[in-house]
């Protein structure tokens, strides 16, 4: 009996430790863990100064500021359990390729410094576009400009991308993304 009680006690401690690790190991956005329900994350972002633009059960669009720049953020939640797993930052459209590229390079440098991770990077134009032709911004709208850096960090992934004349940051929590994939696969399997 003592062995059984000891086993149950030890199992409870291991389970508690695993749950504590799971809860504390989430990617953060503006020091807010990317986890919890859509309602709880939106509430925390409102406290941080963001305003709701539009909302649905698994997607919310908010306006605010990030790194002292005006932006829109999009929060995504899993389809079934409504757990937030991703936050995207869309900065305002640029009118200059060189200022857009400069912002991209600055964010890339700062992310590398903060997370101490070298990104997987692609920075190129596809014919007929090339840097210096004066049509770089147009190339970003025609899928002819591939400027992105992917930072694989401990608790997820951060993507820095130039697309459609703007800079975008995408924060994806590893744990939440796993739940999202499982729930999306369940929906697909149910359809089959």
Protein backbone atom coordinates (compact mmCIF):
# COMPACT_ATOMS: atom_id res chain seq x y z
CA UNK A 1 0.00 0.00 0.00
CA UNK A 2 2.83 2.39 0.83
CA UNK A 3 4.44 1.66 -2.54
CA UNK A 4 1.16 2.40 -4.32
CA UNK A 5 0.72 5.70 -2.45
CA UNK A 6 4.33 6.65 -3.15
CA UNK A 7 3.86 5.80 -6.84
CA UNK A 8 0.66 7.89 -7.04
CA UNK A 9 2.34 10.79 -5.23
CA UNK A 10 5.37 10.71 -7.55
CA UNK A 11 3.09 10.47 -10.61
CA UNK A 12 1.19 13.53 -9.42
CA UNK A 13 4.44 15.50 -8.99
CA UNK A 14 5.67 14.52 -12.46
CA UNK A 15 2.29 15.46 -14.00
CA UNK A 16 2.27 18.79 -12.15
CA UNK A 17 5.83 19.56 -13.33
CA UNK A 18 4.96 18.71 -16.93
CA UNK A 19 1.89 20.93 -16.81
CA UNK A 20 3.90 23.77 -15.28
CA UNK A 21 6.54 23.45 -18.01
CA UNK A 22 3.84 23.35 -20.68
CA UNK A 23 2.21 26.49 -19.31
CA UNK A 24 5.44 28.44 -19.03
CA UNK A 25 6.96 27.48 -22.37
CA UNK A 26 5.09 29.64 -24.83
CA UNK A 27 6.35 32.21 -27.29
CA UNK A 28 5.58 35.75 -26.15
CA UNK A 29 4.31 38.76 -28.05
CA UNK A 30 4.89 42.08 -26.27
CA UNK A 31 5.61 40.00 -23.17
CA UNK A 32 2.17 38.32 -23.44
CA UNK A 33 2.33 34.51 -23.79
CA UNK A 34 0.76 33.30 -27.02
CA UNK A 35 -1.66 30.90 -25.38
CA UNK A 36 -5.07 30.89 -23.77
CA UNK A 37 -8.46 31.64 -25.29
CA UNK A 38 -9.04 34.32 -27.88
CA UNK A 39 -11.00 36.34 -25.32
CA UNK A 40 -8.17 36.29 -22.74
CA UNK A 41 -5.44 37.25 -25.25
CA UNK A 42 -7.56 40.02 -26.79
CA UNK A 43 -8.25 41.34 -23.29
CA UNK A 44 -4.49 41.47 -22.53
CA UNK A 45 -3.81 43.20 -25.85
CA UNK A 46 -6.54 45.78 -25.14
CA UNK A 47 -4.75 46.51 -21.85
CA UNK A 48 -1.54 46.97 -23.90
CA UNK A 49 -3.31 49.66 -25.97
CA UNK A 50 -4.66 47.73 -28.98
CA UNK A 51 -8.20 48.32 -30.26
CA UNK A 52 -10.41 45.64 -31.83
CA UNK A 53 -11.09 46.25 -35.52
CA UNK A 54 -12.99 43.04 -36.32
CA UNK A 55 -13.52 39.73 -34.58
CA UNK A 56 -14.72 36.17 -35.14
CA UNK A 57 -14.36 33.09 -32.92
CA UNK A 58 -10.93 32.09 -34.29
CA UNK A 59 -9.63 35.38 -35.76
CA UNK A 60 -9.31 38.93 -34.40
CA UNK A 61 -7.89 42.00 -36.09
CA UNK A 62 -6.63 44.86 -33.89
CA UNK A 63 -5.02 48.28 -34.48
CA UNK A 64 -2.16 49.69 -32.46
CA UNK A 65 1.56 50.23 -32.29
CA UNK A 66 4.49 47.82 -32.32
CA UNK A 67 8.10 48.94 -31.94
CA UNK A 68 6.87 52.55 -32.18
CA UNK A 69 5.31 51.93 -35.60
CA UNK A 70 1.60 51.89 -36.45
CA UNK A 71 0.35 48.45 -37.29
CA UNK A 72 -2.51 46.02 -37.50
CA UNK A 73 -2.24 42.71 -35.68
CA UNK A 74 -4.08 39.50 -36.46
CA UNK A 75 -4.62 36.91 -33.75
CA UNK A 76 -5.43 33.33 -34.77
CA UNK A 77 -6.94 30.64 -32.55
CA UNK A 78 -7.45 26.94 -33.06
CA UNK A 79 -10.80 26.01 -34.65
CA UNK A 80 -12.08 23.72 -31.91
CA UNK A 81 -10.51 24.57 -28.54
CA UNK A 82 -10.12 28.31 -29.32
CA UNK A 83 -6.48 28.40 -28.12
CA UNK A 84 -4.44 31.30 -29.55
CA UNK A 85 -1.42 30.00 -31.45
CA UNK A 86 -0.33 32.84 -33.76
CA UNK A 87 -0.07 36.64 -33.86
CA UNK A 88 0.87 38.52 -37.03
CA UNK A 89 1.98 42.16 -37.17
CA UNK A 90 1.26 44.06 -40.40
CA UNK A 91 3.06 47.39 -40.62
CA UNK A 92 1.76 50.17 -42.84
CA UNK A 93 2.43 50.04 -46.57
CA UNK A 94 5.74 51.57 -47.62
CA UNK A 95 6.24 54.01 -50.47
CA UNK A 96 9.99 53.39 -50.70
CA UNK A 97 11.82 50.13 -51.29
CA UNK A 98 14.92 51.40 -49.53
CA UNK A 99 13.07 52.39 -46.34
CA UNK A 100 11.19 49.06 -46.41
CA UNK A 101 14.43 47.13 -46.83
CA UNK A 102 16.10 49.24 -44.12
CA UNK A 103 13.28 48.41 -41.65
CA UNK A 104 13.54 44.73 -42.61
CA UNK A 105 17.29 44.65 -41.98
CA UNK A 106 16.92 46.51 -38.67
CA UNK A 107 14.23 44.11 -37.39
CA UNK A 108 16.30 41.15 -38.56
CA UNK A 109 19.32 42.46 -36.63
CA UNK A 110 17.24 43.09 -33.48
CA UNK A 111 15.53 39.68 -33.58
CA UNK A 112 18.89 37.97 -34.02
CA UNK A 113 20.25 39.94 -31.06
CA UNK A 114 17.25 39.27 -28.80
CA UNK A 115 16.86 35.56 -29.50
CA UNK A 116 20.54 34.73 -30.16
CA UNK A 117 19.52 32.70 -33.22
CA UNK A 118 20.73 32.94 -36.78
CA UNK A 119 17.73 32.93 -39.12
CA UNK A 120 17.11 30.91 -42.25
CA UNK A 121 17.05 33.70 -44.81
CA UNK A 122 16.18 34.27 -48.45
CA UNK A 123 16.66 37.73 -49.95
CA UNK A 124 16.25 37.85 -53.72
CA UNK A 125 14.20 39.10 -56.65
CA UNK A 126 12.87 36.94 -59.48
CA UNK A 127 13.22 38.01 -63.13
CA UNK A 128 12.37 40.38 -64.65
CA UNK A 129 12.77 42.30 -61.35
CA UNK A 130 16.06 43.08 -59.63
CA UNK A 131 17.20 45.39 -56.88
CA UNK A 132 17.94 48.81 -58.32
CA UNK A 133 15.44 48.62 -61.21
CA UNK A 134 13.04 51.06 -59.53
CA UNK A 135 10.24 48.46 -59.49
CA UNK A 136 11.12 46.67 -56.26
CA UNK A 137 7.83 47.59 -54.53
CA UNK A 138 5.88 46.30 -57.51
CA UNK A 139 7.83 43.04 -57.28
CA UNK A 140 6.64 42.63 -53.66
CA UNK A 141 3.03 42.57 -54.90
CA UNK A 142 3.65 40.07 -57.72
CA UNK A 143 5.44 37.31 -55.76
CA UNK A 144 8.71 38.28 -57.44
CA UNK A 145 10.44 39.48 -54.26
CA UNK A 146 11.50 36.90 -51.70
CA UNK A 147 12.75 38.70 -48.61
CA UNK A 148 12.16 36.69 -45.45
CA UNK A 149 13.97 35.47 -42.36
CA UNK A 150 12.73 32.60 -40.21
CA UNK A 151 13.88 32.47 -36.60
CA UNK A 152 13.46 29.05 -34.99
CA UNK A 153 13.30 29.97 -31.31
CA UNK A 154 12.84 27.78 -28.24
CA UNK A 155 9.06 28.13 -28.00
CA UNK A 156 8.12 28.57 -31.64
CA UNK A 157 8.93 30.47 -34.77
CA UNK A 158 9.15 34.12 -35.79
CA UNK A 159 8.96 35.06 -39.47
CA UNK A 160 10.01 38.45 -40.78
CA UNK A 161 8.69 38.97 -44.30
CA UNK A 162 8.44 41.68 -46.96
CA UNK A 163 5.19 41.20 -48.86
CA UNK A 164 2.76 43.55 -50.63
CA UNK A 165 4.80 46.71 -49.97
CA UNK A 166 4.88 46.06 -46.24
CA UNK A 167 6.86 44.42 -43.50
CA UNK A 168 5.16 41.59 -41.62
CA UNK A 169 6.15 39.73 -38.45
CA UNK A 170 4.51 36.38 -37.67
CA UNK A 171 4.85 34.86 -34.19
CA UNK A 172 3.77 31.20 -33.99
CA UNK A 173 3.75 29.35 -30.67
CA UNK A 174 5.04 25.78 -31.04
CA UNK A 175 2.63 24.18 -28.58
CA UNK A 176 -0.44 26.03 -29.89
CA UNK A 177 0.50 25.32 -33.51
CA UNK A 178 0.62 21.60 -32.69
CA UNK A 179 -2.92 21.80 -31.28
CA UNK A 180 -4.07 23.74 -34.36
CA UNK A 181 -2.64 21.13 -36.74
CA UNK A 182 -4.28 18.31 -34.77
CA UNK A 183 -7.67 20.06 -34.78
CA UNK A 184 -7.46 20.90 -38.50
CA UNK A 185 -6.54 17.28 -39.26
CA UNK A 186 -9.52 16.09 -37.19
CA UNK A 187 -11.82 18.31 -39.27
CA UNK A 188 -10.34 16.96 -42.50
CA UNK A 189 -10.61 13.35 -41.32
CA UNK A 190 -14.23 13.94 -40.31
CA UNK A 191 -14.95 15.24 -43.82
CA UNK A 192 -13.42 12.13 -45.37
